[in-house]
């Protein structure tokens, strides 16, 4: 680990100059400069003081945890087109199969549908972005249109079918992941 570089990044993130950090930690500006260039190493007590001034601690500073991605965009999405069923599935959270829920953006052509899914543990949620859909759960059929949402427990065979005139686009979330 490059301690000096990491201290520098934290200092800059806090909008502090080397002199301001030195004053707050009761060190010299020269020491902070040398530390950031890895020309000197601080004692543990000194590092604790510096980190306290930077709003962190030893545990967080030395944690190897990679920062969790929170926001996702087009470059993160994975798309699958199914010409047989006239639909496009976009996984909008990469590797969501490893999570407790799996959100997708589903585009169904007019008359398009998803593959029937067998009963399973968990829950299903959807929000219709455009068009309208029929949600088939067992022998029952429910309708939802733009601006409406649906929620059910998948205790029976289920699938979604788009309107034959408009098609549909929706966000569909399944837990546990099953798409």
Protein backbone atom coordinates (compact mmCIF):
# COMPACT_ATOMS: atom_id res chain seq x y z
CA UNK A 1 0.00 0.00 0.00
CA UNK A 2 1.21 3.45 -0.87
CA UNK A 3 0.46 5.27 2.41
CA UNK A 4 1.62 8.66 1.22
CA UNK A 5 -0.51 8.60 -1.92
CA UNK A 6 -3.56 7.56 0.05
CA UNK A 7 -3.01 10.35 2.63
CA UNK A 8 -2.66 12.83 -0.24
CA UNK A 9 -5.93 11.62 -1.84
CA UNK A 10 -7.77 11.95 1.48
CA UNK A 11 -6.31 15.42 2.07
CA UNK A 12 -7.38 16.61 -1.39
CA UNK A 13 -10.83 15.08 -0.95
CA UNK A 14 -11.20 17.15 2.24
CA UNK A 15 -10.04 20.28 0.35
CA UNK A 16 -7.10 20.78 2.69
CA UNK A 17 -3.69 22.13 1.79
CA UNK A 18 -0.59 20.43 3.14
CA UNK A 19 -0.17 23.37 5.48
CA UNK A 20 -3.74 23.08 6.81
CA UNK A 21 -3.31 19.36 7.45
CA UNK A 22 0.04 20.00 9.12
CA UNK A 23 -1.50 22.65 11.41
CA UNK A 24 -4.42 20.41 12.37
CA UNK A 25 -2.20 17.44 13.11
CA UNK A 26 0.50 19.57 14.81
CA UNK A 27 3.16 18.54 12.29
CA UNK A 28 5.29 20.50 9.85
CA UNK A 29 4.25 21.12 6.26
CA UNK A 30 7.58 19.58 5.23
CA UNK A 31 6.75 16.34 7.05
CA UNK A 32 3.34 16.12 5.32
CA UNK A 33 5.03 16.77 1.97
CA UNK A 34 7.63 14.05 2.56
CA UNK A 35 4.97 11.64 3.81
CA UNK A 36 2.81 12.16 0.69
CA UNK A 37 5.85 11.49 -1.52
CA UNK A 38 6.73 8.38 0.53
CA UNK A 39 10.06 9.87 1.56
CA UNK A 40 9.28 9.27 5.23
CA UNK A 41 7.09 6.94 7.25
CA UNK A 42 4.95 8.12 10.15
CA UNK A 43 4.78 6.38 13.50
CA UNK A 44 1.46 4.72 14.24
CA UNK A 45 0.55 7.49 16.68
CA UNK A 46 1.35 10.16 14.08
CA UNK A 47 -0.64 8.34 11.39
CA UNK A 48 -3.60 8.03 13.79
CA UNK A 49 -3.46 11.81 14.38
CA UNK A 50 -3.30 12.55 10.64
CA UNK A 51 -6.15 10.17 9.86
CA UNK A 52 -8.28 11.67 12.63
CA UNK A 53 -7.79 15.09 11.01
CA UNK A 54 -8.86 13.55 7.70
CA UNK A 55 -12.03 12.07 9.20
CA UNK A 56 -11.05 8.41 9.11
CA UNK A 57 -9.25 5.80 11.20
CA UNK A 58 -6.65 3.06 10.79
CA UNK A 59 -9.24 0.36 10.11
CA UNK A 60 -10.89 2.27 7.24
CA UNK A 61 -7.56 3.51 5.91
CA UNK A 62 -6.05 0.04 5.61
CA UNK A 63 -9.24 -1.67 4.50
CA UNK A 64 -8.78 -3.44 1.18
CA UNK A 65 -12.48 -3.30 0.43
CA UNK A 66 -13.05 -1.99 -3.04
CA UNK A 67 -15.56 0.79 -3.24
CA UNK A 68 -18.98 -0.57 -4.06
CA UNK A 69 -20.47 0.67 -7.31
CA UNK A 70 -23.78 2.37 -6.56
CA UNK A 71 -24.71 4.08 -9.84
CA UNK A 72 -24.93 2.19 -13.13
CA UNK A 73 -25.29 3.43 -16.70
CA UNK A 74 -25.63 2.14 -20.25
CA UNK A 75 -22.03 0.91 -20.31
CA UNK A 76 -22.82 -1.43 -17.39
CA UNK A 77 -25.94 -2.99 -18.90
CA UNK A 78 -26.05 -6.39 -20.56
CA UNK A 79 -28.68 -6.95 -23.23
CA UNK A 80 -30.22 -10.14 -24.59
CA UNK A 81 -32.66 -10.16 -27.49
CA UNK A 82 -35.02 -13.11 -27.84
CA UNK A 83 -36.47 -13.04 -31.35
CA UNK A 84 -38.70 -16.08 -30.71
CA UNK A 85 -40.58 -14.34 -27.91
CA UNK A 86 -40.15 -10.80 -29.31
CA UNK A 87 -38.50 -9.38 -26.22
CA UNK A 88 -35.32 -7.68 -25.06
CA UNK A 89 -33.99 -8.17 -21.55
CA UNK A 90 -31.50 -5.65 -20.15
CA UNK A 91 -29.73 -6.55 -16.93
CA UNK A 92 -29.39 -3.06 -15.48
CA UNK A 93 -27.31 -4.11 -12.47
CA UNK A 94 -24.22 -6.11 -13.46
CA UNK A 95 -23.91 -9.54 -11.86
CA UNK A 96 -27.20 -9.05 -10.01
CA UNK A 97 -27.64 -12.83 -9.98
CA UNK A 98 -25.31 -12.77 -6.97
CA UNK A 99 -27.57 -10.32 -5.11
CA UNK A 100 -30.81 -10.95 -3.28
CA UNK A 101 -32.83 -9.26 -6.02
CA UNK A 102 -32.35 -8.97 -9.75
CA UNK A 103 -33.81 -5.96 -11.56
CA UNK A 104 -34.15 -6.00 -15.33
CA UNK A 105 -35.56 -3.64 -17.93
CA UNK A 106 -37.82 -5.68 -20.18
CA UNK A 107 -39.00 -4.54 -23.61
CA UNK A 108 -41.76 -6.60 -25.19
CA UNK A 109 -42.81 -6.12 -28.81
CA UNK A 110 -46.56 -6.03 -29.51
CA UNK A 111 -47.83 -9.46 -28.54
CA UNK A 112 -44.44 -10.43 -27.08
CA UNK A 113 -44.11 -12.40 -23.87
CA UNK A 114 -41.62 -13.82 -21.42
CA UNK A 115 -40.94 -17.53 -21.04
CA UNK A 116 -43.27 -19.09 -18.48
CA UNK A 117 -41.48 -19.44 -15.15
CA UNK A 118 -42.23 -22.24 -12.73
CA UNK A 119 -43.24 -21.59 -9.11
CA UNK A 120 -40.34 -20.60 -6.88
CA UNK A 121 -39.55 -19.02 -3.55
CA UNK A 122 -39.37 -15.24 -3.46
CA UNK A 123 -41.23 -12.26 -4.83
CA UNK A 124 -41.80 -10.51 -8.16
CA UNK A 125 -42.28 -6.78 -8.66
CA UNK A 126 -42.74 -4.74 -11.81
CA UNK A 127 -43.35 -1.17 -12.92
CA UNK A 128 -44.73 -0.48 -16.39
CA UNK A 129 -42.79 2.31 -18.11
CA UNK A 130 -44.79 2.28 -21.35
CA UNK A 131 -47.57 0.27 -22.96
CA UNK A 132 -49.54 -2.34 -21.07
CA UNK A 133 -49.06 -5.93 -19.96
CA UNK A 134 -50.97 -8.94 -18.76
CA UNK A 135 -49.44 -10.73 -15.81
CA UNK A 136 -50.31 -14.42 -15.87
CA UNK A 137 -50.05 -16.12 -12.45
CA UNK A 138 -51.44 -19.62 -12.47
CA UNK A 139 -54.96 -19.44 -13.94
CA UNK A 140 -55.38 -15.74 -13.19
CA UNK A 141 -54.57 -12.79 -15.46
CA UNK A 142 -53.94 -9.26 -14.20
CA UNK A 143 -53.56 -6.12 -16.33
CA UNK A 144 -51.17 -3.25 -15.72
CA UNK A 145 -50.58 -0.16 -17.85
CA UNK A 146 -48.06 2.67 -17.98
CA UNK A 147 -47.51 4.12 -14.53
CA UNK A 148 -48.85 1.08 -12.70
CA UNK A 149 -46.91 -1.53 -10.78
CA UNK A 150 -47.49 -5.15 -9.87
CA UNK A 151 -46.32 -7.44 -7.10
CA UNK A 152 -46.91 -11.13 -6.48
CA UNK A 153 -45.42 -14.21 -4.90
CA UNK A 154 -44.57 -16.71 -7.64
CA UNK A 155 -46.46 -19.66 -6.14
CA UNK A 156 -47.64 -20.81 -9.59
CA UNK A 157 -46.41 -20.82 -13.18
CA UNK A 158 -46.18 -17.18 -14.31
CA UNK A 159 -45.23 -14.96 -17.25
CA UNK A 160 -45.82 -11.50 -18.71
CA UNK A 161 -47.42 -10.75 -22.02
CA UNK A 162 -47.47 -7.37 -23.79
CA UNK A 163 -50.48 -5.77 -25.40
CA UNK A 164 -50.85 -6.89 -29.00
CA UNK A 165 -51.20 -3.28 -30.14
CA UNK A 166 -48.58 -1.32 -28.19
CA UNK A 167 -46.04 -3.71 -26.71
CA UNK A 168 -44.55 -2.70 -23.37
CA UNK A 169 -41.46 -1.63 -21.50
CA UNK A 170 -41.10 -2.30 -17.79
CA UNK A 171 -38.78 -2.68 -14.86
CA UNK A 172 -39.10 -6.17 -13.39
CA UNK A 173 -37.46 -7.24 -10.14
CA UNK A 174 -37.24 -10.83 -9.00
CA UNK A 175 -36.04 -12.18 -5.72
CA UNK A 176 -34.20 -14.45 -5.59
CA UNK A 177 -32.66 -13.82 -9.03
CA UNK A 178 -34.20 -15.96 -11.74
CA UNK A 179 -33.82 -14.12 -15.06
